Amino acid sequence: MTPAESTQVVLELERLRGTMEAGFARVDGALALLVQRSDQTDKQLADHDARLDALERGRWPLPSIAALTGVAALGLTLYELTAR
């Protein structure tokens, strides 16, 4: 290999290195954006979970009240039938 060819190879390798660095920087930026969006999604999911838990806590007495009302209606019906 002649010195001119050696110089050309070195220059091409340097250009390739620059291209690779630019590509890696672009990929790194895209990955950082994806991580940021993932963090935002995680925060939104946590917020939705908290809101859903709050709704479920506020709703728990409804089935109990319905069951108590049914039992009270049954008790009144039995009372009326036995009182005759």
PDB file of N, CA and C in Angstrom:
ATOM      1  N   MET A   1       0.855  -1.163   0.000  1.00  0.00           N
ATOM      2  CA  MET A   1       0.000   0.000   0.000  1.00  0.00           C
ATOM      3  C   MET A   1       0.907   1.234   0.000  1.00  0.00           C
ATOM      4  N   THR A   2       0.593   2.126  -0.877  1.00  0.00           N
ATOM      5  CA  THR A   2       1.412   3.330  -1.000  1.00  0.00           C
ATOM      6  C   THR A   2       1.000   4.340   0.049  1.00  0.00           C
ATOM      7  N   PRO A   3       1.854   5.323   0.318  1.00  0.00           N
ATOM      8  CA  PRO A   3       1.501   6.334   1.314  1.00  0.00           C
ATOM      9  C   PRO A   3       0.238   7.110   0.935  1.00  0.00           C
ATOM     10  N   ALA A   4      -0.019   7.329  -0.351  1.00  0.00           N
ATOM     11  CA  ALA A   4      -1.228   8.047  -0.781  1.00  0.00           C
ATOM     12  C   ALA A   4      -2.468   7.214  -0.472  1.00  0.00           C
ATOM     13  N   GLU A   5      -2.389   5.916  -0.718  1.00  0.00           N
ATOM     14  CA  GLU A   5      -3.520   5.027  -0.424  1.00  0.00           C
ATOM     15  C   GLU A   5      -3.749   4.956   1.084  1.00  0.00           C
ATOM     16  N   SER A   6      -2.662   4.909   1.829  1.00  0.00           N
ATOM     17  CA  SER A   6      -2.755   4.869   3.280  1.00  0.00           C
ATOM     18  C   SER A   6      -3.439   6.121   3.811  1.00  0.00           C
ATOM     19  N   THR A   7      -3.110   7.270   3.229  1.00  0.00           N
ATOM     20  CA  THR A   7      -3.735   8.523   3.632  1.00  0.00           C
ATOM     21  C   THR A   7      -5.224   8.513   3.295  1.00  0.00           C
ATOM     22  N   GLN A   8      -5.572   7.984   2.132  1.00  0.00           N
ATOM     23  CA  GLN A   8      -6.976   7.898   1.721  1.00  0.00           C
ATOM     24  C   GLN A   8      -7.769   6.994   2.674  1.00  0.00           C
ATOM     25  N   VAL A   9      -7.155   5.886   3.070  1.00  0.00           N
ATOM     26  CA  VAL A   9      -7.822   4.964   3.998  1.00  0.00           C
ATOM     27  C   VAL A   9      -8.052   5.658   5.339  1.00  0.00           C
ATOM     28  N   VAL A  10      -7.067   6.388   5.805  1.00  0.00           N
ATOM     29  CA  VAL A  10      -7.185   7.095   7.079  1.00  0.00           C
ATOM     30  C   VAL A  10      -8.294   8.136   6.996  1.00  0.00           C
ATOM     31  N   LEU A  11      -8.349   8.864   5.876  1.00  0.00           N
ATOM     32  CA  LEU A  11      -9.402   9.870   5.701  1.00  0.00           C
ATOM     33  C   LEU A  11     -10.787   9.234   5.651  1.00  0.00           C
ATOM     34  N   GLU A  12     -10.907   8.134   4.936  1.00  0.00           N
ATOM     35  CA  GLU A  12     -12.204   7.449   4.856  1.00  0.00           C
ATOM     36  C   GLU A  12     -12.624   6.905   6.220  1.00  0.00           C
ATOM     37  N   LEU A  13     -11.666   6.377   6.972  1.00  0.00           N
ATOM     38  CA  LEU A  13     -11.979   5.892   8.317  1.00  0.00           C
ATOM     39  C   LEU A  13     -12.417   7.039   9.219  1.00  0.00           C
ATOM     40  N   GLU A  14     -11.792   8.199   9.077  1.00  0.00           N
ATOM     41  CA  GLU A  14     -12.190   9.363   9.881  1.00  0.00           C
ATOM     42  C   GLU A  14     -13.597   9.820   9.509  1.00  0.00           C
ATOM     43  N   ARG A  15     -13.920   9.825   8.211  1.00  0.00           N
ATOM     44  CA  ARG A  15     -15.277  10.187   7.777  1.00  0.00           C
ATOM     45  C   ARG A  15     -16.301   9.178   8.311  1.00  0.00           C
ATOM     46  N   LEU A  16     -15.929   7.916   8.235  1.00  0.00           N
ATOM     47  CA  LEU A  16     -16.816   6.869   8.747  1.00  0.00           C
ATOM     48  C   LEU A  16     -17.040   7.041  10.247  1.00  0.00           C
ATOM     49  N   ARG A  17     -15.973   7.388  10.953  1.00  0.00           N
ATOM     50  CA  ARG A  17     -16.089   7.620  12.399  1.00  0.00           C
ATOM     51  C   ARG A  17     -17.032   8.786  12.677  1.00  0.00           C
ATOM     52  N   GLY A  18     -16.899   9.864  11.923  1.00  0.00           N
ATOM     53  CA  GLY A  18     -17.789  11.015  12.099  1.00  0.00           C
ATOM     54  C   GLY A  18     -19.237  10.658  11.800  1.00  0.00           C
ATOM     55  N   THR A  19     -19.446   9.883  10.754  1.00  0.00           N
ATOM     56  CA  THR A  19     -20.800   9.448  10.411  1.00  0.00           C
ATOM     57  C   THR A  19     -21.393   8.575  11.515  1.00  0.00           C
ATOM     58  N   MET A  20     -20.579   7.682  12.044  1.00  0.00           N
ATOM     59  CA  MET A  20     -21.048   6.805  13.122  1.00  0.00           C
ATOM     60  C   MET A  20     -21.370   7.616  14.380  1.00  0.00           C
ATOM     61  N   GLU A  21     -20.551   8.590  14.716  1.00  0.00           N
ATOM     62  CA  GLU A  21     -20.809   9.425  15.891  1.00  0.00           C
ATOM     63  C   GLU A  21     -22.103  10.209  15.726  1.00  0.00           C
ATOM     64  N   ALA A  22     -22.322  10.737  14.529  1.00  0.00           N
ATOM     65  CA  ALA A  22     -23.568  11.480  14.276  1.00  0.00           C
ATOM     66  C   ALA A  22     -24.772  10.547  14.375  1.00  0.00           C
ATOM     67  N   GLY A  23     -24.637   9.351  13.832  1.00  0.00           N
ATOM     68  CA  GLY A  23     -25.738   8.373  13.911  1.00  0.00           C
ATOM     69  C   GLY A  23     -26.031   7.966  15.343  1.00  0.00           C
ATOM     70  N   PHE A  24     -24.977   7.715  16.114  1.00  0.00           N
ATOM     71  CA  PHE A  24     -25.174   7.350  17.518  1.00  0.00           C
ATOM     72  C   PHE A  24     -25.795   8.499  18.310  1.00  0.00           C
ATOM     73  N   ALA A  25     -25.405   9.731  18.004  1.00  0.00           N
ATOM     74  CA  ALA A  25     -25.987  10.882  18.694  1.00  0.00           C
ATOM     75  C   ALA A  25     -27.476  10.987  18.372  1.00  0.00           C
ATOM     76  N   ARG A  26     -27.848  10.734  17.125  1.00  0.00           N
ATOM     77  CA  ARG A  26     -29.250  10.786  16.719  1.00  0.00           C
ATOM     78  C   ARG A  26     -30.051   9.674  17.418  1.00  0.00           C
ATOM     79  N   VAL A  27     -29.494   8.485  17.444  1.00  0.00           N
ATOM     80  CA  VAL A  27     -30.168   7.362  18.108  1.00  0.00           C
ATOM     81  C   VAL A  27     -30.279   7.624  19.606  1.00  0.00           C
ATOM     82  N   ASP A  28     -29.222   8.179  20.205  1.00  0.00           N
ATOM     83  CA  ASP A  28     -29.239   8.494  21.632  1.00  0.00           C
ATOM     84  C   ASP A  28     -30.322   9.525  21.947  1.00  0.00           C
ATOM     85  N   GLY A  29     -30.465  10.529  21.079  1.00  0.00           N
ATOM     86  CA  GLY A  29     -31.519  11.527  21.273  1.00  0.00           C
ATOM     87  C   GLY A  29     -32.901  10.918  21.161  1.00  0.00           C
ATOM     88  N   ALA A  30     -33.076  10.014  20.200  1.00  0.00           N
ATOM     89  CA  ALA A  30     -34.372   9.356  20.042  1.00  0.00           C
ATOM     90  C   ALA A  30     -34.691   8.488  21.258  1.00  0.00           C
ATOM     91  N   LEU A  31     -33.687   7.794  21.776  1.00  0.00           N
ATOM     92  CA  LEU A  31     -33.902   6.969  22.964  1.00  0.00           C
ATOM     93  C   LEU A  31     -34.237   7.822  24.181  1.00  0.00           C
ATOM     94  N   ALA A  32     -33.587   8.967  24.310  1.00  0.00           N
ATOM     95  CA  ALA A  32     -33.894   9.864  25.432  1.00  0.00           C
ATOM     96  C   ALA A  32     -35.337  10.349  25.341  1.00  0.00           C
ATOM     97  N   LEU A  33     -35.800  10.639  24.125  1.00  0.00           N
ATOM     98  CA  LEU A  33     -37.190  11.065  23.939  1.00  0.00           C
ATOM     99  C   LEU A  33     -38.149   9.943  24.312  1.00  0.00           C
ATOM    100  N   LEU A  34     -37.822   8.718  23.926  1.00  0.00           N
ATOM    101  CA  LEU A  34     -38.674   7.581  24.279  1.00  0.00           C
ATOM    102  C   LEU A  34     -38.728   7.359  25.784  1.00  0.00           C
ATOM    103  N   VAL A  35     -37.605   7.520  26.453  1.00  0.00           N
ATOM    104  CA  VAL A  35     -37.570   7.372  27.910  1.00  0.00           C
ATOM    105  C   VAL A  35     -38.422   8.448  28.570  1.00  0.00           C
ATOM    106  N   GLN A  36     -38.340   9.673  28.055  1.00  0.00           N
ATOM    107  CA  GLN A  36     -39.147  10.767  28.612  1.00  0.00           C
ATOM    108  C   GLN A  36     -40.636  10.487  28.422  1.00  0.00           C
ATOM    109  N   ARG A  37     -41.010  10.031  27.243  1.00  0.00           N
ATOM    110  CA  ARG A  37     -42.425   9.701  26.999  1.00  0.00           C
ATOM    111  C   ARG A  37     -42.878   8.543  27.866  1.00  0.00           C
ATOM    112  N   SER A  38     -42.000   7.576  28.074  1.00  0.00           N
ATOM    113  CA  SER A  38     -42.344   6.448  28.938  1.00  0.00           C
ATOM    114  C   SER A  38     -42.569   6.912  30.372  1.00  0.00           C
ATOM    115  N   ASP A  39     -41.720   7.826  30.848  1.00  0.00           N
ATOM    116  CA  ASP A  39     -41.899   8.371  32.194  1.00  0.00           C
ATOM    117  C   ASP A  39     -43.220   9.128  32.315  1.00  0.00           C
ATOM    118  N   GLN A  40     -43.569   9.895  31.286  1.00  0.00           N
ATOM    119  CA  GLN A  40     -44.841  10.611  31.305  1.00  0.00           C
ATOM    120  C   GLN A  40     -46.011   9.645  31.320  1.00  0.00           C
ATOM    121  N   THR A  41     -45.898   8.567  30.553  1.00  0.00           N
ATOM    122  CA  THR A  41     -46.953   7.560  30.525  1.00  0.00           C
ATOM    123  C   THR A  41     -47.083   6.887  31.886  1.00  0.00           C
ATOM    124  N   ASP A  42     -45.958   6.587  32.518  1.00  0.00           N
ATOM    125  CA  ASP A  42     -45.990   5.990  33.857  1.00  0.00           C
ATOM    126  C   ASP A  42     -46.673   6.922  34.853  1.00  0.00           C
ATOM    127  N   LYS A  43     -46.390   8.222  34.759  1.00  0.00           N
ATOM    128  CA  LYS A  43     -47.035   9.184  35.663  1.00  0.00           C
ATOM    129  C   LYS A  43     -48.537   9.238  35.410  1.00  0.00           C
ATOM    130  N   GLN A  44     -48.934   9.209  34.145  1.00  0.00           N
ATOM    131  CA  GLN A  44     -50.363   9.230  33.828  1.00  0.00           C
ATOM    132  C   GLN A  44     -51.053   7.972  34.347  1.00  0.00           C
ATOM    133  N   LEU A  45     -50.411   6.828  34.197  1.00  0.00           N
ATOM    134  CA  LEU A  45     -50.995   5.580  34.695  1.00  0.00           C
ATOM    135  C   LEU A  45     -51.122   5.609  36.218  1.00  0.00           C
ATOM    136  N   ALA A  46     -50.123   6.130  36.884  1.00  0.00           N
ATOM    137  CA  ALA A  46     -50.190   6.231  38.341  1.00  0.00           C
ATOM    138  C   ALA A  46     -51.316   7.164  38.762  1.00  0.00           C
ATOM    139  N   ASP A  47     -51.484   8.274  38.031  1.00  0.00           N
ATOM    140  CA  ASP A  47     -52.570   9.207  38.322  1.00  0.00           C
ATOM    141  C   ASP A  47     -53.929   8.535  38.097  1.00  0.00           C
ATOM    142  N   HIS A  48     -54.055   7.799  37.003  1.00  0.00           N
ATOM    143  CA  HIS A  48     -55.322   7.103  36.731  1.00  0.00           C
ATOM    144  C   HIS A  48     -55.612   6.031  37.788  1.00  0.00           C
ATOM    145  N   ASP A  49     -54.564   5.325  38.213  1.00  0.00           N
ATOM    146  CA  ASP A  49     -54.752   4.325  39.266  1.00  0.00           C
ATOM    147  C   ASP A  49     -55.241   4.974  40.555  1.00  0.00           C
ATOM    148  N   ALA A  50     -54.652   6.099  40.900  1.00  0.00           N
ATOM    149  CA  ALA A  50     -55.057   6.797  42.130  1.00  0.00           C
ATOM    150  C   ALA A  50     -56.507   7.264  42.033  1.00  0.00           C
ATOM    151  N   ARG A  51     -56.872   7.793  40.883  1.00  0.00           N
ATOM    152  CA  ARG A  51     -58.252   8.259  40.708  1.00  0.00           C
ATOM    153  C   ARG A  51     -59.234   7.089  40.744  1.00  0.00           C
ATOM    154  N   LEU A  52     -58.864   5.968  40.125  1.00  0.00           N
ATOM    155  CA  LEU A  52     -59.732   4.791  40.123  1.00  0.00           C
ATOM    156  C   LEU A  52     -59.876   4.224  41.537  1.00  0.00           C
ATOM    157  N   ASP A  53     -58.800   4.197  42.289  1.00  0.00           N
ATOM    158  CA  ASP A  53     -58.864   3.735  43.677  1.00  0.00           C
ATOM    159  C   ASP A  53     -59.782   4.629  44.504  1.00  0.00           C
ATOM    160  N   ALA A  54     -59.704   5.933  44.265  1.00  0.00           N
ATOM    161  CA  ALA A  54     -60.571   6.865  44.999  1.00  0.00           C
ATOM    162  C   ALA A  54     -62.041   6.616  44.657  1.00  0.00           C
ATOM    163  N   LEU A  55     -62.314   6.359  43.389  1.00  0.00           N
ATOM    164  CA  LEU A  55     -63.696   6.058  42.991  1.00  0.00           C
ATOM    165  C   LEU A  55     -64.188   4.747  43.603  1.00  0.00           C
ATOM    166  N   GLU A  56     -63.320   3.751  43.628  1.00  0.00           N
ATOM    167  CA  GLU A  56     -63.721   2.466  44.206  1.00  0.00           C
ATOM    168  C   GLU A  56     -63.951   2.579  45.711  1.00  0.00           C
ATOM    169  N   ARG A  57     -63.130   3.372  46.394  1.00  0.00           N
ATOM    170  CA  ARG A  57     -63.328   3.546  47.843  1.00  0.00           C
ATOM    171  C   ARG A  57     -64.644   4.254  48.123  1.00  0.00           C
ATOM    172  N   GLY A  58     -65.009   5.198  47.294  1.00  0.00           N
ATOM    173  CA  GLY A  58     -66.254   5.930  47.516  1.00  0.00           C
ATOM    174  C   GLY A  58     -67.480   5.122  47.152  1.00  0.00           C
ATOM    175  N   ARG A  59     -67.311   4.040  46.433  1.00  0.00           N
ATOM    176  CA  ARG A  59     -68.443   3.263  45.942  1.00  0.00           C
ATOM    177  C   ARG A  59     -68.725   2.013  46.787  1.00  0.00           C
ATOM    178  N   TRP A  60     -67.862   1.625  47.689  1.00  0.00           N
ATOM    179  CA  TRP A  60     -68.003   0.349  48.389  1.00  0.00           C
ATOM    180  C   TRP A  60     -69.293   0.207  49.178  1.00  0.00           C
ATOM    181  N   PRO A  61     -69.891   1.263  49.756  1.00  0.00           N
ATOM    182  CA  PRO A  61     -71.089   1.034  50.556  1.00  0.00           C
ATOM    183  C   PRO A  61     -72.328   0.721  49.711  1.00  0.00           C
ATOM    184  N   LEU A  62     -72.329   1.021  48.451  1.00  0.00           N
ATOM    185  CA  LEU A  62     -73.530   0.812  47.645  1.00  0.00           C
ATOM    186  C   LEU A  62     -74.011  -0.639  47.629  1.00  0.00           C
ATOM    187  N   PRO A  63     -73.180  -1.629  47.374  1.00  0.00           N
ATOM    188  CA  PRO A  63     -73.680  -3.011  47.425  1.00  0.00           C
ATOM    189  C   PRO A  63     -74.140  -3.411  48.832  1.00  0.00           C
ATOM    190  N   SER A  64     -73.455  -2.910  49.841  1.00  0.00           N
ATOM    191  CA  SER A  64     -73.855  -3.236  51.215  1.00  0.00           C
ATOM    192  C   SER A  64     -75.220  -2.645  51.535  1.00  0.00           C
ATOM    193  N   ILE A  65     -75.434  -1.405  51.110  1.00  0.00           N
ATOM    194  CA  ILE A  65     -76.734  -0.764  51.345  1.00  0.00           C
ATOM    195  C   ILE A  65     -77.830  -1.506  50.606  1.00  0.00           C
ATOM    196  N   ALA A  66     -77.556  -1.945  49.374  1.00  0.00           N
ATOM    197  CA  ALA A  66     -78.551  -2.698  48.606  1.00  0.00           C
ATOM    198  C   ALA A  66     -78.881  -4.016  49.305  1.00  0.00           C
ATOM    199  N   ALA A  67     -77.882  -4.692  49.818  1.00  0.00           N
ATOM    200  CA  ALA A  67     -78.126  -5.960  50.513  1.00  0.00           C
ATOM    201  C   ALA A  67     -78.919  -5.718  51.803  1.00  0.00           C
ATOM    202  N   LEU A  68     -78.570  -4.687  52.556  1.00  0.00           N
ATOM    203  CA  LEU A  68     -79.314  -4.382  53.786  1.00  0.00           C
ATOM    204  C   LEU A  68     -80.763  -4.012  53.487  1.00  0.00           C
ATOM    205  N   THR A  69     -80.982  -3.274  52.406  1.00  0.00           N
ATOM    206  CA  THR A  69     -82.343  -2.912  52.021  1.00  0.00           C
ATOM    207  C   THR A  69     -83.144  -4.160  51.665  1.00  0.00           C
ATOM    208  N   GLY A  70     -82.520  -5.073  50.948  1.00  0.00           N
ATOM    209  CA  GLY A  70     -83.198  -6.328  50.593  1.00  0.00           C
ATOM    210  C   GLY A  70     -83.549  -7.141  51.828  1.00  0.00           C
ATOM    211  N   VAL A  71     -82.621  -7.233  52.751  1.00  0.00           N
ATOM    212  CA  VAL A  71     -82.876  -7.984  53.992  1.00  0.00           C
ATOM    213  C   VAL A  71     -83.969  -7.296  54.805  1.00  0.00           C
ATOM    214  N   ALA A  72     -83.950  -5.964  54.865  1.00  0.00           N
ATOM    215  CA  ALA A  72     -84.992  -5.236  55.602  1.00  0.00           C
ATOM    216  C   ALA A  72     -86.356  -5.456  54.958  1.00  0.00           C
ATOM    217  N   ALA A  73     -86.432  -5.447  53.629  1.00  0.00           N
ATOM    218  CA  ALA A  73     -87.700  -5.680  52.932  1.00  0.00           C
ATOM    219  C   ALA A  73     -88.194  -7.094  53.197  1.00  0.00           C
ATOM    220  N   LEU A  74     -87.303  -8.050  53.191  1.00  0.00           N
ATOM    221  CA  LEU A  74     -87.684  -9.430  53.494  1.00  0.00           C
ATOM    222  C   LEU A  74     -88.185  -9.543  54.927  1.00  0.00           C
ATOM    223  N   GLY A  75     -87.495  -8.875  55.845  1.00  0.00           N
ATOM    224  CA  GLY A  75     -87.914  -8.900  57.251  1.00  0.00           C
ATOM    225  C   GLY A  75     -89.291  -8.276  57.429  1.00  0.00           C
ATOM    226  N   LEU A  76     -89.555  -7.153  56.789  1.00  0.00           N
ATOM    227  CA  LEU A  76     -90.869  -6.520  56.890  1.00  0.00           C
ATOM    228  C   LEU A  76     -91.953  -7.386  56.281  1.00  0.00           C
ATOM    229  N   THR A  77     -91.647  -8.031  55.171  1.00  0.00           N
ATOM    230  CA  THR A  77     -92.622  -8.915  54.540  1.00  0.00           C
ATOM    231  C   THR A  77     -92.946 -10.091  55.453  1.00  0.00           C
ATOM    232  N   LEU A  78     -91.927 -10.683  56.034  1.00  0.00           N
ATOM    233  CA  LEU A  78     -92.170 -11.809  56.955  1.00  0.00           C
ATOM    234  C   LEU A  78     -92.948 -11.344  58.192  1.00  0.00           C
ATOM    235  N   TYR A  79     -92.660 -10.166  58.681  1.00  0.00           N
ATOM    236  CA  TYR A  79     -93.366  -9.619  59.834  1.00  0.00           C
ATOM    237  C   TYR A  79     -94.851  -9.422  59.520  1.00  0.00           C
ATOM    238  N   GLU A  80     -95.115  -8.856  58.339  1.00  0.00           N
ATOM    239  CA  GLU A  80     -96.509  -8.640  57.944  1.00  0.00           C
ATOM    240  C   GLU A  80     -97.248  -9.950  57.765  1.00  0.00           C
ATOM    241  N   LEU A  81     -96.578 -10.958  57.214  1.00  0.00           N
ATOM    242  CA  LEU A  81     -97.232 -12.252  57.028  1.00  0.00           C
ATOM    243  C   LEU A  81     -97.513 -12.930  58.358  1.00  0.00           C
ATOM    244  N   THR A  82     -96.637 -12.807  59.315  1.00  0.00           N
ATOM    245  CA  THR A  82     -96.855 -13.452  60.605  1.00  0.00           C
ATOM    246  C   THR A  82     -97.783 -12.645  61.489  1.00  0.00           C
ATOM    247  N   ALA A  83     -97.952 -11.362  61.224  1.00  0.00           N
ATOM    248  CA  ALA A  83     -98.818 -10.532  62.060  1.00  0.00           C
ATOM    249  C   ALA A  83    -100.276 -10.753  61.729  1.00  0.00           C
ATOM    250  N   ARG A  84    -100.640 -11.297  60.627  1.00  0.00           N
ATOM    251  CA  ARG A  84    -102.039 -11.520  60.246  1.00  0.00           C
ATOM    252  C   ARG A  84    -102.650 -12.628  60.979  1.00  0.00           C
TER     253      ARG A  84
END
